[in-house]
Amino acid sequence: MRHLLIEPELALTDYRWHGCTPLFVRILSLFSYRRCVTVDRNRQQLQIETRWLWFLRSSRSVAFARIERLVCEAQALPTGFPLWRAFVMERPLVETDVAFYFVALKMRDSGDEIPLFTVIESLPADGDGLQVLAGDADEPRIGDEGVTHLIAQLQTYLGLNKDRR
């Protein structure tokens, strides 16, 4: 079984990176929320457009020079609490197999963070023989490949250096 990955729908060209809230999330919100982020290398600016409740719209432009770095915060989502785990001390009480990653921009001048996207990705499950035979467990996963790829693309298009903090 493939892992869960809900990330922005992307359209890439040499000078433009465009990502929007995926259709699945828009359907869940009854099309009442949509965020699109466009990185334009030619104009050296990032455009963020957000729509709430079908009629409220917000638009914001950010010059590349004002962006200090990209910020990514992760939050694991507890997804299971079998009662027998309360009596077994070897394993954690609550297991998690899904994580939310919040991707934002850190600004130079104000220190504010401007949210861009939320990426939802499943963490790797314990592999079994059937997964190996089916070809689903060919490469090892750590659970953040989707968001890592997204951040690497954004850093490249924004011209930010790749440093970890």
N, C-alpha and C. Protein backbone atom coordinates (compact mmCIF):
# COMPACT_ATOMS: atom_id res chain seq x y z
N MET A 1 0.84 -1.18 0.00
CA MET A 1 0.00 0.00 0.00
C MET A 1 0.88 1.24 0.00
N ARG A 2 0.60 2.15 -0.87
CA ARG A 2 1.39 3.38 -0.97
C ARG A 2 1.12 4.27 0.24
N HIS A 3 2.07 5.13 0.53
CA HIS A 3 1.90 6.01 1.68
C HIS A 3 1.01 7.20 1.32
N LEU A 4 0.41 7.77 2.34
CA LEU A 4 -0.45 8.93 2.19
C LEU A 4 0.41 10.17 2.04
N LEU A 5 0.13 10.97 1.03
CA LEU A 5 0.84 12.22 0.84
C LEU A 5 -0.15 13.23 0.26
N ILE A 6 -0.49 14.23 1.05
CA ILE A 6 -1.36 15.30 0.58
C ILE A 6 -0.51 16.57 0.54
N GLU A 7 -0.15 16.96 -0.67
CA GLU A 7 0.71 18.12 -0.87
C GLU A 7 0.08 19.00 -1.94
N PRO A 8 0.57 20.22 -2.11
CA PRO A 8 -0.01 21.12 -3.11
C PRO A 8 0.11 20.55 -4.52
N GLU A 9 -0.89 20.88 -5.34
CA GLU A 9 -0.81 20.54 -6.76
C GLU A 9 0.16 21.52 -7.40
N LEU A 10 1.17 21.01 -8.10
CA LEU A 10 2.25 21.86 -8.59
C LEU A 10 2.23 21.98 -10.11
N ALA A 11 2.62 23.16 -10.58
CA ALA A 11 2.86 23.42 -12.00
C ALA A 11 4.20 24.15 -12.07
N LEU A 12 5.18 23.54 -12.74
CA LEU A 12 6.53 24.08 -12.76
C LEU A 12 6.95 24.42 -14.18
N THR A 13 7.62 25.55 -14.32
CA THR A 13 8.33 25.90 -15.55
C THR A 13 9.71 26.35 -15.13
N ASP A 14 10.52 26.79 -16.08
CA ASP A 14 11.88 27.23 -15.74
C ASP A 14 11.89 28.44 -14.82
N TYR A 15 10.93 29.34 -14.97
CA TYR A 15 10.94 30.59 -14.22
C TYR A 15 9.74 30.77 -13.30
N ARG A 16 8.91 29.74 -13.18
CA ARG A 16 7.69 29.90 -12.37
C ARG A 16 7.38 28.60 -11.64
N TRP A 17 7.08 28.73 -10.35
CA TRP A 17 6.65 27.62 -9.50
C TRP A 17 5.27 28.00 -9.00
N HIS A 18 4.28 27.15 -9.22
CA HIS A 18 2.90 27.45 -8.82
C HIS A 18 2.33 26.24 -8.10
N GLY A 19 1.86 26.44 -6.87
CA GLY A 19 1.26 25.37 -6.08
C GLY A 19 -0.05 25.82 -5.49
N CYS A 20 -1.06 24.95 -5.53
CA CYS A 20 -2.39 25.24 -4.98
C CYS A 20 -2.84 24.11 -4.07
N THR A 21 -3.78 24.44 -3.21
CA THR A 21 -4.41 23.44 -2.35
C THR A 21 -4.95 22.31 -3.21
N PRO A 22 -4.67 21.06 -2.86
CA PRO A 22 -5.12 19.94 -3.70
C PRO A 22 -6.63 19.81 -3.75
N LEU A 23 -7.12 19.22 -4.82
CA LEU A 23 -8.55 19.06 -5.05
C LEU A 23 -9.21 18.28 -3.91
N PHE A 24 -8.54 17.26 -3.41
CA PHE A 24 -9.09 16.45 -2.32
C PHE A 24 -9.41 17.30 -1.09
N VAL A 25 -8.52 18.20 -0.73
CA VAL A 25 -8.73 19.07 0.43
C VAL A 25 -9.83 20.09 0.13
N ARG A 26 -9.88 20.60 -1.08
CA ARG A 26 -10.94 21.55 -1.44
C ARG A 26 -12.30 20.87 -1.39
N ILE A 27 -12.38 19.61 -1.79
CA ILE A 27 -13.65 18.88 -1.71
C ILE A 27 -14.05 18.69 -0.26
N LEU A 28 -13.10 18.32 0.60
CA LEU A 28 -13.41 18.15 2.03
C LEU A 28 -13.90 19.44 2.66
N SER A 29 -13.40 20.57 2.19
CA SER A 29 -13.84 21.86 2.75
C SER A 29 -15.01 22.44 1.96
N LEU A 30 -15.62 21.62 1.11
CA LEU A 30 -16.75 22.05 0.27
C LEU A 30 -16.38 23.26 -0.58
N PHE A 31 -15.17 23.27 -1.08
CA PHE A 31 -14.63 24.32 -1.94
C PHE A 31 -14.67 25.69 -1.27
N SER A 32 -14.60 25.71 0.06
CA SER A 32 -14.64 26.99 0.76
C SER A 32 -13.26 27.53 1.10
N TYR A 33 -12.20 26.77 0.79
CA TYR A 33 -10.84 27.24 1.09
C TYR A 33 -9.92 26.84 -0.05
N ARG A 34 -9.08 27.79 -0.45
CA ARG A 34 -8.06 27.52 -1.46
C ARG A 34 -6.91 28.50 -1.28
N ARG A 35 -5.69 27.98 -1.30
CA ARG A 35 -4.50 28.82 -1.23
C ARG A 35 -3.61 28.46 -2.41
N CYS A 36 -3.18 29.49 -3.13
CA CYS A 36 -2.25 29.32 -4.25
C CYS A 36 -1.02 30.17 -3.99
N VAL A 37 0.14 29.59 -4.23
CA VAL A 37 1.41 30.28 -4.07
C VAL A 37 2.12 30.23 -5.41
N THR A 38 2.55 31.39 -5.90
CA THR A 38 3.26 31.48 -7.17
C THR A 38 4.60 32.16 -6.94
N VAL A 39 5.67 31.49 -7.36
CA VAL A 39 7.01 32.05 -7.29
C VAL A 39 7.40 32.43 -8.72
N ASP A 40 7.64 33.71 -8.93
CA ASP A 40 8.01 34.21 -10.25
C ASP A 40 9.45 34.70 -10.20
N ARG A 41 10.35 33.94 -10.84
CA ARG A 41 11.77 34.30 -10.82
C ARG A 41 12.05 35.58 -11.61
N ASN A 42 11.32 35.80 -12.70
CA ASN A 42 11.56 36.98 -13.52
C ASN A 42 11.28 38.27 -12.76
N ARG A 43 10.15 38.31 -12.03
CA ARG A 43 9.78 39.51 -11.28
C ARG A 43 10.37 39.52 -9.87
N GLN A 44 11.02 38.40 -9.46
CA GLN A 44 11.63 38.29 -8.14
C GLN A 44 10.61 38.52 -7.03
N GLN A 45 9.45 37.87 -7.18
CA GLN A 45 8.46 38.01 -6.13
C GLN A 45 7.63 36.75 -5.99
N LEU A 46 7.06 36.61 -4.80
CA LEU A 46 6.21 35.49 -4.46
C LEU A 46 4.80 36.04 -4.22
N GLN A 47 3.81 35.42 -4.82
CA GLN A 47 2.42 35.87 -4.72
C GLN A 47 1.62 34.79 -3.96
N ILE A 48 0.91 35.19 -2.91
CA ILE A 48 0.09 34.27 -2.13
C ILE A 48 -1.36 34.74 -2.24
N GLU A 49 -2.22 33.87 -2.76
CA GLU A 49 -3.64 34.18 -2.89
C GLU A 49 -4.43 33.15 -2.09
N THR A 50 -5.33 33.64 -1.23
CA THR A 50 -6.13 32.77 -0.39
C THR A 50 -7.60 33.14 -0.56
N ARG A 51 -8.45 32.10 -0.62
CA ARG A 51 -9.89 32.33 -0.71
C ARG A 51 -10.58 31.53 0.40
N TRP A 52 -11.44 32.21 1.15
CA TRP A 52 -12.23 31.59 2.21
C TRP A 52 -13.70 31.78 1.89
N LEU A 53 -14.49 30.81 2.24
CA LEU A 53 -15.95 30.89 2.17
C LEU A 53 -16.46 31.41 0.83
N TRP A 54 -15.87 31.00 -0.25
CA TRP A 54 -16.30 31.25 -1.62
C TRP A 54 -16.21 32.71 -2.06
N PHE A 55 -16.18 33.68 -1.15
CA PHE A 55 -16.21 35.08 -1.59
C PHE A 55 -15.17 35.96 -0.91
N LEU A 56 -14.58 35.56 0.19
CA LEU A 56 -13.53 36.36 0.83
C LEU A 56 -12.19 36.00 0.22
N ARG A 57 -11.48 37.01 -0.26
CA ARG A 57 -10.20 36.78 -0.92
C ARG A 57 -9.13 37.65 -0.29
N SER A 58 -7.93 37.10 -0.30
CA SER A 58 -6.77 37.82 0.21
C SER A 58 -5.61 37.57 -0.75
N SER A 59 -4.86 38.62 -1.02
CA SER A 59 -3.71 38.50 -1.91
C SER A 59 -2.54 39.23 -1.28
N ARG A 60 -1.35 38.62 -1.39
CA ARG A 60 -0.16 39.22 -0.79
C ARG A 60 1.03 38.95 -1.69
N SER A 61 1.83 39.98 -1.93
CA SER A 61 3.07 39.85 -2.69
C SER A 61 4.26 40.06 -1.77
N VAL A 62 5.27 39.23 -1.95
CA VAL A 62 6.47 39.32 -1.14
C VAL A 62 7.68 39.31 -2.07
N ALA A 63 8.53 40.31 -1.94
CA ALA A 63 9.76 40.36 -2.73
C ALA A 63 10.76 39.35 -2.19
N PHE A 64 11.54 38.76 -3.10
CA PHE A 64 12.54 37.77 -2.69
C PHE A 64 13.51 38.34 -1.66
N ALA A 65 13.84 39.62 -1.78
CA ALA A 65 14.82 40.24 -0.88
C ALA A 65 14.33 40.26 0.57
N ARG A 66 13.03 40.20 0.80
CA ARG A 66 12.48 40.24 2.17
C ARG A 66 12.45 38.87 2.83
N ILE A 67 12.68 37.80 2.07
CA ILE A 67 12.57 36.44 2.60
C ILE A 67 13.91 36.02 3.19
N GLU A 68 13.90 35.65 4.47
CA GLU A 68 15.13 35.18 5.12
C GLU A 68 15.34 33.69 4.86
N ARG A 69 14.29 32.88 5.12
CA ARG A 69 14.41 31.44 4.91
C ARG A 69 13.03 30.80 4.93
N LEU A 70 13.01 29.52 4.58
CA LEU A 70 11.79 28.72 4.69
C LEU A 70 11.80 28.02 6.04
N VAL A 71 10.63 27.91 6.64
CA VAL A 71 10.49 27.26 7.94
C VAL A 71 9.54 26.07 7.76
N CYS A 72 9.90 24.95 8.34
CA CYS A 72 9.03 23.77 8.30
C CYS A 72 8.91 23.23 9.72
N GLU A 73 7.69 23.16 10.20
CA GLU A 73 7.43 22.60 11.53
C GLU A 73 6.59 21.35 11.35
N ALA A 74 6.91 20.31 12.12
CA ALA A 74 6.21 19.04 12.00
C ALA A 74 5.43 18.76 13.27
N GLN A 75 4.27 18.14 13.09
CA GLN A 75 3.44 17.73 14.21
C GLN A 75 2.89 16.36 13.91
N ALA A 76 3.21 15.39 14.76
CA ALA A 76 2.69 14.04 14.59
C ALA A 76 1.24 13.99 15.06
N LEU A 77 0.44 13.21 14.38
CA LEU A 77 -0.98 13.06 14.72
C LEU A 77 -1.19 11.68 15.31
N PRO A 78 -1.58 11.57 16.57
CA PRO A 78 -1.84 10.24 17.14
C PRO A 78 -3.03 9.61 16.43
N THR A 79 -2.83 8.39 15.97
CA THR A 79 -3.89 7.74 15.19
C THR A 79 -4.40 6.45 15.81
N GLY A 80 -3.79 5.99 16.86
CA GLY A 80 -4.28 4.75 17.43
C GLY A 80 -4.01 4.66 18.92
N PHE A 81 -4.99 4.15 19.68
CA PHE A 81 -4.81 3.94 21.11
C PHE A 81 -5.52 2.64 21.50
N PRO A 82 -4.90 1.49 21.19
CA PRO A 82 -5.48 0.25 21.66
C PRO A 82 -5.33 0.13 23.18
N LEU A 83 -6.33 -0.36 23.85
CA LEU A 83 -6.30 -0.44 25.31
C LEU A 83 -5.19 -1.35 25.82
N TRP A 84 -4.84 -2.38 25.07
CA TRP A 84 -3.79 -3.29 25.55
C TRP A 84 -2.45 -2.58 25.69
N ARG A 85 -2.26 -1.48 24.97
CA ARG A 85 -0.99 -0.75 25.07
C ARG A 85 -0.79 -0.11 26.44
N ALA A 86 -1.87 0.16 27.13
CA ALA A 86 -1.75 0.75 28.46
C ALA A 86 -1.06 -0.21 29.44
N PHE A 87 -1.09 -1.51 29.11
CA PHE A 87 -0.51 -2.51 30.01
C PHE A 87 0.87 -2.99 29.56
N VAL A 88 1.28 -2.64 28.36
CA VAL A 88 2.58 -3.05 27.84
C VAL A 88 3.49 -1.82 27.85
N MET A 89 4.55 -1.86 28.63
CA MET A 89 5.41 -0.70 28.79
C MET A 89 6.50 -0.60 27.73
N GLU A 90 6.67 -1.63 26.92
CA GLU A 90 7.76 -1.62 25.95
C GLU A 90 7.50 -0.68 24.78
N ARG A 91 6.25 -0.46 24.44
CA ARG A 91 5.90 0.35 23.28
C ARG A 91 5.26 1.65 23.74
N PRO A 92 5.29 2.67 22.91
CA PRO A 92 4.65 3.94 23.30
C PRO A 92 3.15 3.77 23.48
N LEU A 93 2.59 4.59 24.33
CA LEU A 93 1.18 4.49 24.65
C LEU A 93 0.30 4.81 23.44
N VAL A 94 0.67 5.82 22.70
CA VAL A 94 -0.10 6.21 21.52
C VAL A 94 0.82 6.13 20.31
N GLU A 95 0.37 5.44 19.28
CA GLU A 95 1.16 5.35 18.07
C GLU A 95 0.72 6.41 17.08
N THR A 96 1.63 6.79 16.26
CA THR A 96 1.31 7.76 15.24
C THR A 96 1.84 7.26 13.90
N ASP A 97 1.09 7.50 12.85
CA ASP A 97 1.59 7.13 11.54
C ASP A 97 1.34 8.23 10.51
N VAL A 98 0.89 9.38 10.98
CA VAL A 98 0.65 10.52 10.09
C VAL A 98 1.25 11.77 10.73
N ALA A 99 1.86 12.61 9.90
CA ALA A 99 2.43 13.86 10.40
C ALA A 99 1.98 15.02 9.54
N PHE A 100 1.76 16.15 10.18
CA PHE A 100 1.45 17.40 9.50
C PHE A 100 2.72 18.23 9.45
N TYR A 101 3.02 18.79 8.28
CA TYR A 101 4.18 19.66 8.12
C TYR A 101 3.66 21.03 7.71
N PHE A 102 4.00 22.04 8.49
CA PHE A 102 3.59 23.41 8.22
C PHE A 102 4.77 24.15 7.59
N VAL A 103 4.61 24.56 6.34
CA VAL A 103 5.67 25.25 5.61
C VAL A 103 5.34 26.73 5.58
N ALA A 104 6.31 27.56 5.99
CA ALA A 104 6.10 29.01 6.06
C ALA A 104 7.36 29.73 5.63
N LEU A 105 7.21 31.04 5.42
CA LEU A 105 8.34 31.92 5.10
C LEU A 105 8.71 32.72 6.33
N LYS A 106 9.98 32.83 6.63
CA LYS A 106 10.48 33.70 7.70
C LYS A 106 10.97 34.96 7.04
N MET A 107 10.44 36.11 7.47
CA MET A 107 10.77 37.40 6.86
C MET A 107 11.98 38.03 7.54
N ARG A 108 12.78 38.77 6.76
CA ARG A 108 13.98 39.42 7.28
C ARG A 108 13.65 40.63 8.16
N ASP A 109 12.81 41.50 7.65
CA ASP A 109 12.60 42.79 8.30
C ASP A 109 11.74 42.72 9.55
N SER A 110 10.72 41.88 9.56
CA SER A 110 9.81 41.88 10.69
C SER A 110 9.94 40.64 11.57
N GLY A 111 10.54 39.59 11.07
CA GLY A 111 10.62 38.36 11.84
C GLY A 111 9.34 37.56 11.81
N ASP A 112 8.34 38.03 11.08
CA ASP A 112 7.07 37.32 10.98
C ASP A 112 7.23 36.05 10.16
N GLU A 113 6.30 35.14 10.35
CA GLU A 113 6.21 33.95 9.52
C GLU A 113 4.92 34.02 8.72
N ILE A 114 5.04 33.82 7.41
CA ILE A 114 3.88 33.81 6.53
C ILE A 114 3.62 32.37 6.14
N PRO A 115 2.48 31.80 6.54
CA PRO A 115 2.20 30.40 6.21
C PRO A 115 1.99 30.21 4.71
N LEU A 116 2.53 29.12 4.19
CA LEU A 116 2.35 28.78 2.79
C LEU A 116 1.43 27.58 2.63
N PHE A 117 1.87 26.43 3.14
CA PHE A 117 1.11 25.20 2.95
C PHE A 117 1.17 24.32 4.17
N THR A 118 0.23 23.39 4.24
CA THR A 118 0.27 22.28 5.17
C THR A 118 0.35 21.02 4.33
N VAL A 119 1.36 20.22 4.61
CA VAL A 119 1.55 18.95 3.91
C VAL A 119 1.27 17.84 4.90
N ILE A 120 0.48 16.85 4.49
CA ILE A 120 0.16 15.71 5.34
C ILE A 120 0.82 14.49 4.71
N GLU A 121 1.61 13.78 5.51
CA GLU A 121 2.32 12.62 4.99
C GLU A 121 2.34 11.51 6.03
N SER A 122 2.14 10.28 5.55
CA SER A 122 2.19 9.15 6.46
C SER A 122 3.63 8.76 6.72
N LEU A 123 3.87 8.33 7.92
CA LEU A 123 5.19 7.85 8.30
C LEU A 123 5.32 6.40 7.84
N PRO A 124 6.54 5.90 7.69
CA PRO A 124 6.68 4.54 7.17
C PRO A 124 6.11 3.50 8.13
N ALA A 125 5.47 2.52 7.55
CA ALA A 125 4.93 1.41 8.33
C ALA A 125 5.97 0.29 8.37
N ASP A 126 5.83 -0.57 9.34
CA ASP A 126 6.72 -1.72 9.40
C ASP A 126 6.47 -2.57 8.17
N GLY A 127 7.52 -2.84 7.44
CA GLY A 127 7.39 -3.63 6.21
C GLY A 127 7.20 -5.10 6.51
N ASP A 128 6.46 -5.75 5.64
CA ASP A 128 6.32 -7.19 5.76
C ASP A 128 6.64 -7.81 4.40
N GLY A 129 6.65 -9.10 4.35
CA GLY A 129 7.02 -9.81 3.14
C GLY A 129 6.13 -9.50 1.96
N LEU A 130 4.84 -9.30 2.20
CA LEU A 130 3.91 -9.01 1.11
C LEU A 130 4.19 -7.66 0.46
N GLN A 131 4.58 -6.68 1.27
CA GLN A 131 4.92 -5.37 0.70
C GLN A 131 6.16 -5.46 -0.17
N VAL A 132 7.13 -6.23 0.24
CA VAL A 132 8.34 -6.39 -0.55
C VAL A 132 8.02 -7.09 -1.86
N LEU A 133 7.21 -8.15 -1.80
CA LEU A 133 6.82 -8.86 -3.02
C LEU A 133 6.00 -7.99 -3.96
N ALA A 134 5.16 -7.13 -3.40
CA ALA A 134 4.32 -6.25 -4.22
C ALA A 134 5.12 -5.08 -4.78
N GLY A 135 6.31 -4.85 -4.27
CA GLY A 135 7.14 -3.76 -4.77
C GLY A 135 6.89 -2.43 -4.09
N ASP A 136 6.11 -2.43 -3.02
CA ASP A 136 5.80 -1.19 -2.34
C ASP A 136 6.89 -0.76 -1.37
N ALA A 137 7.75 -1.67 -0.96
CA ALA A 137 8.77 -1.34 0.03
C ALA A 137 10.17 -1.42 -0.59
N ASP A 138 10.31 -0.98 -1.83
CA ASP A 138 11.59 -1.07 -2.51
C ASP A 138 12.63 -0.15 -1.90
N GLU A 139 12.24 1.05 -1.57
CA GLU A 139 13.20 2.02 -1.06
C GLU A 139 12.84 2.39 0.37
N PRO A 140 13.84 2.55 1.22
CA PRO A 140 13.54 2.92 2.61
C PRO A 140 12.99 4.35 2.69
N ARG A 141 12.04 4.55 3.59
CA ARG A 141 11.43 5.86 3.78
C ARG A 141 11.60 6.28 5.22
N ILE A 142 11.71 7.57 5.44
CA ILE A 142 11.73 8.07 6.81
C ILE A 142 10.47 8.87 7.12
N GLY A 143 9.67 9.19 6.10
CA GLY A 143 8.38 9.80 6.35
C GLY A 143 8.26 11.26 6.01
N ASP A 144 9.31 11.89 5.51
CA ASP A 144 9.18 13.31 5.16
C ASP A 144 9.71 13.60 3.77
N GLU A 145 9.71 12.61 2.90
CA GLU A 145 10.24 12.80 1.55
C GLU A 145 9.44 13.81 0.75
N GLY A 146 8.12 13.80 0.87
CA GLY A 146 7.29 14.74 0.12
C GLY A 146 7.54 16.18 0.49
N VAL A 147 7.59 16.47 1.77
CA VAL A 147 7.80 17.85 2.22
C VAL A 147 9.25 18.27 1.97
N THR A 148 10.20 17.34 2.07
CA THR A 148 11.59 17.67 1.78
C THR A 148 11.76 18.06 0.32
N HIS A 149 11.10 17.33 -0.57
CA HIS A 149 11.16 17.64 -2.00
C HIS A 149 10.52 19.01 -2.27
N LEU A 150 9.38 19.28 -1.63
CA LEU A 150 8.68 20.56 -1.80
C LEU A 150 9.56 21.73 -1.34
N ILE A 151 10.19 21.58 -0.18
CA ILE A 151 11.05 22.65 0.35
C ILE A 151 12.28 22.85 -0.53
N ALA A 152 12.85 21.75 -1.03
CA ALA A 152 14.02 21.87 -1.90
C ALA A 152 13.65 22.63 -3.18
N GLN A 153 12.47 22.34 -3.74
CA GLN A 153 12.02 23.07 -4.93
C GLN A 153 11.84 24.55 -4.63
N LEU A 154 11.17 24.86 -3.53
CA LEU A 154 10.95 26.26 -3.17
C LEU A 154 12.26 26.99 -2.93
N GLN A 155 13.21 26.36 -2.25
CA GLN A 155 14.50 27.00 -2.00
C GLN A 155 15.22 27.28 -3.31
N THR A 156 15.13 26.36 -4.25
CA THR A 156 15.78 26.56 -5.55
C THR A 156 15.13 27.71 -6.30
N TYR A 157 13.81 27.75 -6.34
CA TYR A 157 13.11 28.80 -7.08
C TYR A 157 13.25 30.16 -6.39
N LEU A 158 13.34 30.18 -5.07
CA LEU A 158 13.49 31.45 -4.34
C LEU A 158 14.95 31.90 -4.26
N GLY A 159 15.88 31.02 -4.60
CA GLY A 159 17.29 31.37 -4.54
C GLY A 159 17.83 31.42 -3.12
N LEU A 160 17.26 30.63 -2.23
CA LEU A 160 17.72 30.59 -0.84
C LEU A 160 18.79 29.53 -0.70
N ASN A 161 19.77 29.80 0.18
CA ASN A 161 20.77 28.78 0.44
C ASN A 161 20.18 27.71 1.34
N LYS A 162 20.69 26.51 1.22
CA LYS A 162 20.14 25.38 1.96
C LYS A 162 20.91 25.18 3.25
N ASP A 163 20.34 25.68 4.35
CA ASP A 163 20.94 25.45 5.66
C ASP A 163 19.86 24.95 6.59
N ARG A 164 20.27 24.14 7.56
CA ARG A 164 19.31 23.60 8.53
C ARG A 164 19.46 24.36 9.85
N ARG A 165 18.32 24.66 10.45
CA ARG A 165 18.33 25.32 11.75
C ARG A 165 17.41 24.60 12.68
